[in-house]
PDB file of N, CA and C in Angstrom:
ATOM      1  N   MET A   1     124.809 102.743  98.397  1.00  0.00           N
ATOM      2  CA  MET A   1     123.717 103.142  97.800  1.00  0.00           C
ATOM      3  C   MET A   1     123.549 104.250  97.716  1.00  0.00           C
ATOM      4  N   SER A   2     123.499 104.453  96.443  1.00  0.00           N
ATOM      5  CA  SER A   2     123.165 106.092  96.101  1.00  0.00           C
ATOM      6  C   SER A   2     122.076 106.635  96.629  1.00  0.00           C
ATOM      7  N   THR A   3     121.741 108.124  97.093  1.00  0.00           N
ATOM      8  CA  THR A   3     120.519 108.650  97.092  1.00  0.00           C
ATOM      9  C   THR A   3     120.414 109.634  96.105  1.00  0.00           C
ATOM     10  N   VAL A   4     118.773 109.991  96.172  1.00  0.00           N
ATOM     11  CA  VAL A   4     118.765 111.390  95.604  1.00  0.00           C
ATOM     12  C   VAL A   4     117.705 112.080  96.564  1.00  0.00           C
ATOM     13  N   GLN A   5     117.780 113.497  96.120  1.00  0.00           N
ATOM     14  CA  GLN A   5     117.132 114.138  96.887  1.00  0.00           C
ATOM     15  C   GLN A   5     115.748 114.756  96.179  1.00  0.00           C
ATOM     16  N   VAL A   6     114.653 114.567  96.995  1.00  0.00           N
ATOM     17  CA  VAL A   6     113.036 114.588  96.325  1.00  0.00           C
ATOM     18  C   VAL A   6     112.977 116.123  97.260  1.00  0.00           C
ATOM     19  N   GLY A   7     112.329 117.140  96.969  1.00  0.00           N
ATOM     20  CA  GLY A   7     111.167 118.205  97.595  1.00  0.00           C
ATOM     21  C   GLY A   7     109.568 117.703  97.441  1.00  0.00           C
ATOM     22  N   ILE A   8     108.829 117.416  98.455  1.00  0.00           N
ATOM     23  CA  ILE A   8     107.392 117.766  98.346  1.00  0.00           C
ATOM     24  C   ILE A   8     106.741 118.669  99.155  1.00  0.00           C
ATOM     25  N   ARG A   9     105.710 118.965  98.473  1.00  0.00           N
ATOM     26  CA  ARG A   9     104.905 119.859  99.169  1.00  0.00           C
ATOM     27  C   ARG A   9     103.835 118.968 100.067  1.00  0.00           C
ATOM     28  N   ILE A  10     103.512 119.008 101.437  1.00  0.00           N
ATOM     29  CA  ILE A  10     102.412 118.112 101.843  1.00  0.00           C
ATOM     30  C   ILE A  10     101.613 119.082 102.727  1.00  0.00           C
ATOM     31  N   LEU A  11     100.128 118.739 102.745  1.00  0.00           N
ATOM     32  CA  LEU A  11      99.611 119.864 103.726  1.00  0.00           C
ATOM     33  C   LEU A  11      99.906 119.988 105.194  1.00  0.00           C
ATOM     34  N   SER A  12      99.578 121.159 105.887  1.00  0.00           N
ATOM     35  CA  SER A  12     100.472 121.207 107.130  1.00  0.00           C
ATOM     36  C   SER A  12      99.891 120.374 108.024  1.00  0.00           C
ATOM     37  N   HIS A  13      98.658 119.977 108.339  1.00  0.00           N
ATOM     38  CA  HIS A  13      97.879 118.623 109.003  1.00  0.00           C
ATOM     39  C   HIS A  13      98.768 117.509 108.891  1.00  0.00           C
ATOM     40  N   LEU A  14      99.226 116.937 107.908  1.00  0.00           N
ATOM     41  CA  LEU A  14     100.067 115.894 107.735  1.00  0.00           C
ATOM     42  C   LEU A  14     101.427 115.850 108.427  1.00  0.00           C
ATOM     43  N   PHE A  15     102.213 117.238 107.951  1.00  0.00           N
ATOM     44  CA  PHE A  15     103.399 117.628 108.521  1.00  0.00           C
ATOM     45  C   PHE A  15     103.187 117.961 109.830  1.00  0.00           C
ATOM     46  N   GLN A  16     102.237 117.926 110.808  1.00  0.00           N
ATOM     47  CA  GLN A  16     102.371 118.021 112.284  1.00  0.00           C
ATOM     48  C   GLN A  16     102.270 116.892 112.465  1.00  0.00           C
ATOM     49  N   LYS A  17     101.428 115.574 111.623  1.00  0.00           N
ATOM     50  CA  LYS A  17     101.911 114.370 112.414  1.00  0.00           C
ATOM     51  C   LYS A  17     103.267 113.602 112.161  1.00  0.00           C
ATOM     52  N   LEU A  18     103.774 114.101 111.018  1.00  0.00           N
ATOM     53  CA  LEU A  18     104.763 113.608 110.666  1.00  0.00           C
ATOM     54  C   LEU A  18     105.746 113.886 111.814  1.00  0.00           C
ATOM     55  N   GLN A  19     106.067 115.349 112.245  1.00  0.00           N
ATOM     56  CA  GLN A  19     106.843 115.673 113.430  1.00  0.00           C
ATOM     57  C   GLN A  19     106.141 114.766 114.682  1.00  0.00           C
ATOM     58  N   GLU A  20     105.391 114.899 114.775  1.00  0.00           N
ATOM     59  CA  GLU A  20     104.562 113.942 115.761  1.00  0.00           C
ATOM     60  C   GLU A  20     105.076 112.707 116.011  1.00  0.00           C
ATOM     61  N   ARG A  21     105.166 111.636 114.831  1.00  0.00           N
ATOM     62  CA  ARG A  21     105.368 110.502 114.602  1.00  0.00           C
ATOM     63  C   ARG A  21     107.119 110.079 114.994  1.00  0.00           C
ATOM     64  N   ALA A  22     107.725 111.010 113.762  1.00  0.00           N
ATOM     65  CA  ALA A  22     109.068 111.231 114.402  1.00  0.00           C
ATOM     66  C   ALA A  22     110.034 111.416 115.699  1.00  0.00           C
ATOM     67  N   ALA A  23     108.605 112.001 116.300  1.00  0.00           N
ATOM     68  CA  ALA A  23     108.983 112.444 117.638  1.00  0.00           C
ATOM     69  C   ALA A  23     109.063 111.375 118.749  1.00  0.00           C
ATOM     70  N   GLN A  24     107.341 110.169 118.251  1.00  0.00           N
ATOM     71  CA  GLN A  24     107.031 109.035 119.230  1.00  0.00           C
ATOM     72  C   GLN A  24     108.408 108.342 118.713  1.00  0.00           C
ATOM     73  N   VAL A  25     108.783 107.673 117.693  1.00  0.00           N
ATOM     74  CA  VAL A  25     109.921 107.318 117.887  1.00  0.00           C
ATOM     75  C   VAL A  25     111.002 107.165 117.750  1.00  0.00           C
ATOM     76  N   ASN A  26     111.317 108.368 118.213  1.00  0.00           N
ATOM     77  CA  ASN A  26     113.292 108.903 118.284  1.00  0.00           C
ATOM     78  C   ASN A  26     113.606 109.166 116.862  1.00  0.00           C
ATOM     79  N   ALA A  27     113.209 108.950 115.796  1.00  0.00           N
ATOM     80  CA  ALA A  27     113.416 108.923 114.466  1.00  0.00           C
ATOM     81  C   ALA A  27     113.328 110.404 113.545  1.00  0.00           C
ATOM     82  N   SER A  28     114.107 110.297 112.480  1.00  0.00           N
ATOM     83  CA  SER A  28     114.270 111.811 111.667  1.00  0.00           C
ATOM     84  C   SER A  28     113.114 112.245 111.127  1.00  0.00           C
ATOM     85  N   LYS A  29     112.680 113.116 110.633  1.00  0.00           N
ATOM     86  CA  LYS A  29     111.205 113.081 109.477  1.00  0.00           C
ATOM     87  C   LYS A  29     111.862 112.093 108.353  1.00  0.00           C
ATOM     88  N   THR A  30     112.861 112.219 107.679  1.00  0.00           N
ATOM     89  CA  THR A  30     112.843 111.795 106.567  1.00  0.00           C
ATOM     90  C   THR A  30     112.898 109.942 107.044  1.00  0.00           C
ATOM     91  N   GLU A  31     113.704 109.557 107.846  1.00  0.00           N
ATOM     92  CA  GLU A  31     113.399 107.953 108.362  1.00  0.00           C
ATOM     93  C   GLU A  31     112.146 107.735 108.396  1.00  0.00           C
ATOM     94  N   VAL A  32     111.095 108.402 108.831  1.00  0.00           N
ATOM     95  CA  VAL A  32     109.983 108.238 108.977  1.00  0.00           C
ATOM     96  C   VAL A  32     109.061 108.093 107.589  1.00  0.00           C
ATOM     97  N   ILE A  33     109.525 109.181 106.580  1.00  0.00           N
ATOM     98  CA  ILE A  33     109.198 108.975 105.293  1.00  0.00           C
ATOM     99  C   ILE A  33     109.527 107.971 104.609  1.00  0.00           C
ATOM    100  N   LEU A  34     110.598 107.602 104.482  1.00  0.00           N
ATOM    101  CA  LEU A  34     111.431 106.442 103.872  1.00  0.00           C
ATOM    102  C   LEU A  34     110.707 105.172 104.464  1.00  0.00           C
ATOM    103  N   SER A  35     110.383 104.908 105.229  1.00  0.00           N
ATOM    104  CA  SER A  35     109.721 103.607 106.060  1.00  0.00           C
ATOM    105  C   SER A  35     108.352 103.515 105.390  1.00  0.00           C
ATOM    106  N   ALA A  36     107.659 104.246 105.481  1.00  0.00           N
ATOM    107  CA  ALA A  36     106.263 104.860 105.367  1.00  0.00           C
ATOM    108  C   ALA A  36     106.425 104.275 103.797  1.00  0.00           C
ATOM    109  N   LEU A  37     107.286 105.330 103.035  1.00  0.00           N
ATOM    110  CA  LEU A  37     107.311 105.113 101.629  1.00  0.00           C
ATOM    111  C   LEU A  37     107.638 103.294 101.102  1.00  0.00           C
ATOM    112  N   ALA A  38     108.386 102.915 101.780  1.00  0.00           N
ATOM    113  CA  ALA A  38     108.511 101.575 101.327  1.00  0.00           C
ATOM    114  C   ALA A  38     107.684 100.705 101.721  1.00  0.00           C
ATOM    115  N   ASP A  39     107.138 100.639 103.071  1.00  0.00           N
ATOM    116  CA  ASP A  39     105.839 100.024 103.377  1.00  0.00           C
ATOM    117  C   ASP A  39     104.899 100.151 102.356  1.00  0.00           C
ATOM    118  N   TYR A  40     104.773 100.986 102.420  1.00  0.00           N
ATOM    119  CA  TYR A  40     103.029 101.321 101.203  1.00  0.00           C
ATOM    120  C   TYR A  40     103.608 100.870  99.494  1.00  0.00           C
ATOM    121  N   LEU A  41     104.940 100.840  99.108  1.00  0.00           N
ATOM    122  CA  LEU A  41     105.494 100.494  97.669  1.00  0.00           C
ATOM    123  C   LEU A  41     105.139  98.966  97.633  1.00  0.00           C
ATOM    124  N   GLU A  42     105.681  98.375  98.968  1.00  0.00           N
ATOM    125  CA  GLU A  42     105.996  96.871  98.933  1.00  0.00           C
ATOM    126  C   GLU A  42     104.197  96.176  99.425  1.00  0.00           C
ATOM    127  N   ASN A  43     103.553  97.120  99.690  1.00  0.00           N
ATOM    128  CA  ASN A  43     102.085  96.702  99.787  1.00  0.00           C
ATOM    129  C   ASN A  43     101.386  96.803  98.409  1.00  0.00           C
ATOM    130  N   THR A  44     101.593  97.850  97.911  1.00  0.00           N
ATOM    131  CA  THR A  44     100.806  97.878  96.718  1.00  0.00           C
ATOM    132  C   THR A  44     101.765  96.768  95.557  1.00  0.00           C
ATOM    133  N   ARG A  45     102.347  96.832  95.864  1.00  0.00           N
ATOM    134  CA  ARG A  45     103.166  95.529  95.034  1.00  0.00           C
ATOM    135  C   ARG A  45     102.741  94.320  95.223  1.00  0.00           C
ATOM    136  N   GLU A  46     102.293  93.768  96.331  1.00  0.00           N
ATOM    137  CA  GLU A  46     101.910  92.808  96.609  1.00  0.00           C
ATOM    138  C   GLU A  46     100.554  92.634  96.068  1.00  0.00           C
ATOM    139  N   LEU A  47      99.678  93.785  96.181  1.00  0.00           N
ATOM    140  CA  LEU A  47      98.246  93.834  95.490  1.00  0.00           C
ATOM    141  C   LEU A  47      98.479  93.598  94.272  1.00  0.00           C
ATOM    142  N   GLN A  48      99.538  94.447  93.692  1.00  0.00           N
ATOM    143  CA  GLN A  48      98.932  94.627  91.924  1.00  0.00           C
ATOM    144  C   GLN A  48      99.541  92.916  91.560  1.00  0.00           C
ATOM    145  N   CYS A  49     100.502  92.359  92.280  1.00  0.00           N
ATOM    146  CA  CYS A  49     100.724  90.802  91.812  1.00  0.00           C
ATOM    147  C   CYS A  49      99.578  89.832  92.102  1.00  0.00           C
ATOM    148  N   SER A  50      98.713  89.859  92.796  1.00  0.00           N
ATOM    149  CA  SER A  50      97.519  89.620  93.380  1.00  0.00           C
ATOM    150  C   SER A  50      96.656  89.543  92.262  1.00  0.00           C
ATOM    151  N   ARG A  51      96.936  91.044  92.008  1.00  0.00           N
ATOM    152  CA  ARG A  51      95.473  91.134  90.520  1.00  0.00           C
ATOM    153  C   ARG A  51      95.911  90.477  89.625  1.00  0.00           C
ATOM    154  N   PHE A  52      97.000  90.410  89.033  1.00  0.00           N
ATOM    155  CA  PHE A  52      97.900  89.937  88.299  1.00  0.00           C
ATOM    156  C   PHE A  52      97.646  88.341  88.015  1.00  0.00           C
ATOM    157  N   LYS A  53      97.611  88.048  89.292  1.00  0.00           N
ATOM    158  CA  LYS A  53      97.487  86.392  89.591  1.00  0.00           C
ATOM    159  C   LYS A  53      96.134  86.164  89.457  1.00  0.00           C
ATOM    160  N   LEU A  54      95.415  86.850  89.860  1.00  0.00           N
ATOM    161  CA  LEU A  54      93.473  86.630  89.139  1.00  0.00           C
ATOM    162  C   LEU A  54      93.238  86.810  87.664  1.00  0.00           C
ATOM    163  N   ILE A  55      93.908  87.608  87.427  1.00  0.00           N
ATOM    164  CA  ILE A  55      93.522  88.130  85.399  1.00  0.00           C
ATOM    165  C   ILE A  55      94.470  86.804  85.119  1.00  0.00           C
ATOM    166  N   ASP A  56      95.099  86.294  85.369  1.00  0.00           N
ATOM    167  CA  ASP A  56      96.336  85.255  84.829  1.00  0.00           C
ATOM    168  C   ASP A  56      94.981  83.727  84.930  1.00  0.00           C
ATOM    169  N   GLU A  57      94.578  83.728  86.277  1.00  0.00           N
ATOM    170  CA  GLU A  57      93.920  82.476  86.289  1.00  0.00           C
ATOM    171  C   GLU A  57      92.643  82.972  85.588  1.00  0.00           C
ATOM    172  N   GLY A  58      92.167  84.050  85.248  1.00  0.00           N
ATOM    173  CA  GLY A  58      90.608  84.300  84.277  1.00  0.00           C
ATOM    174  C   GLY A  58      89.155  84.449  85.439  1.00  0.00           C
ATOM    175  N   LYS A  59      89.975  85.215  86.630  1.00  0.00           N
ATOM    176  CA  LYS A  59      89.171  85.452  87.642  1.00  0.00           C
ATOM    177  C   LYS A  59      88.289  86.352  87.135  1.00  0.00           C
TER     178      LYS A  59
END
């Protein structure tokens, strides 16, 4: 699987929480971010599917 590099800016308090979580689970900051992003995208996909289903059913 190929990867791309992405640069982001985050608030300092979020960075602190990221560092804390990475230390808690013995993972890199990148691993924590990738896991959180994957979870977020999967959950929002499920919400979108639910909304589309409701629209399709005329609700």
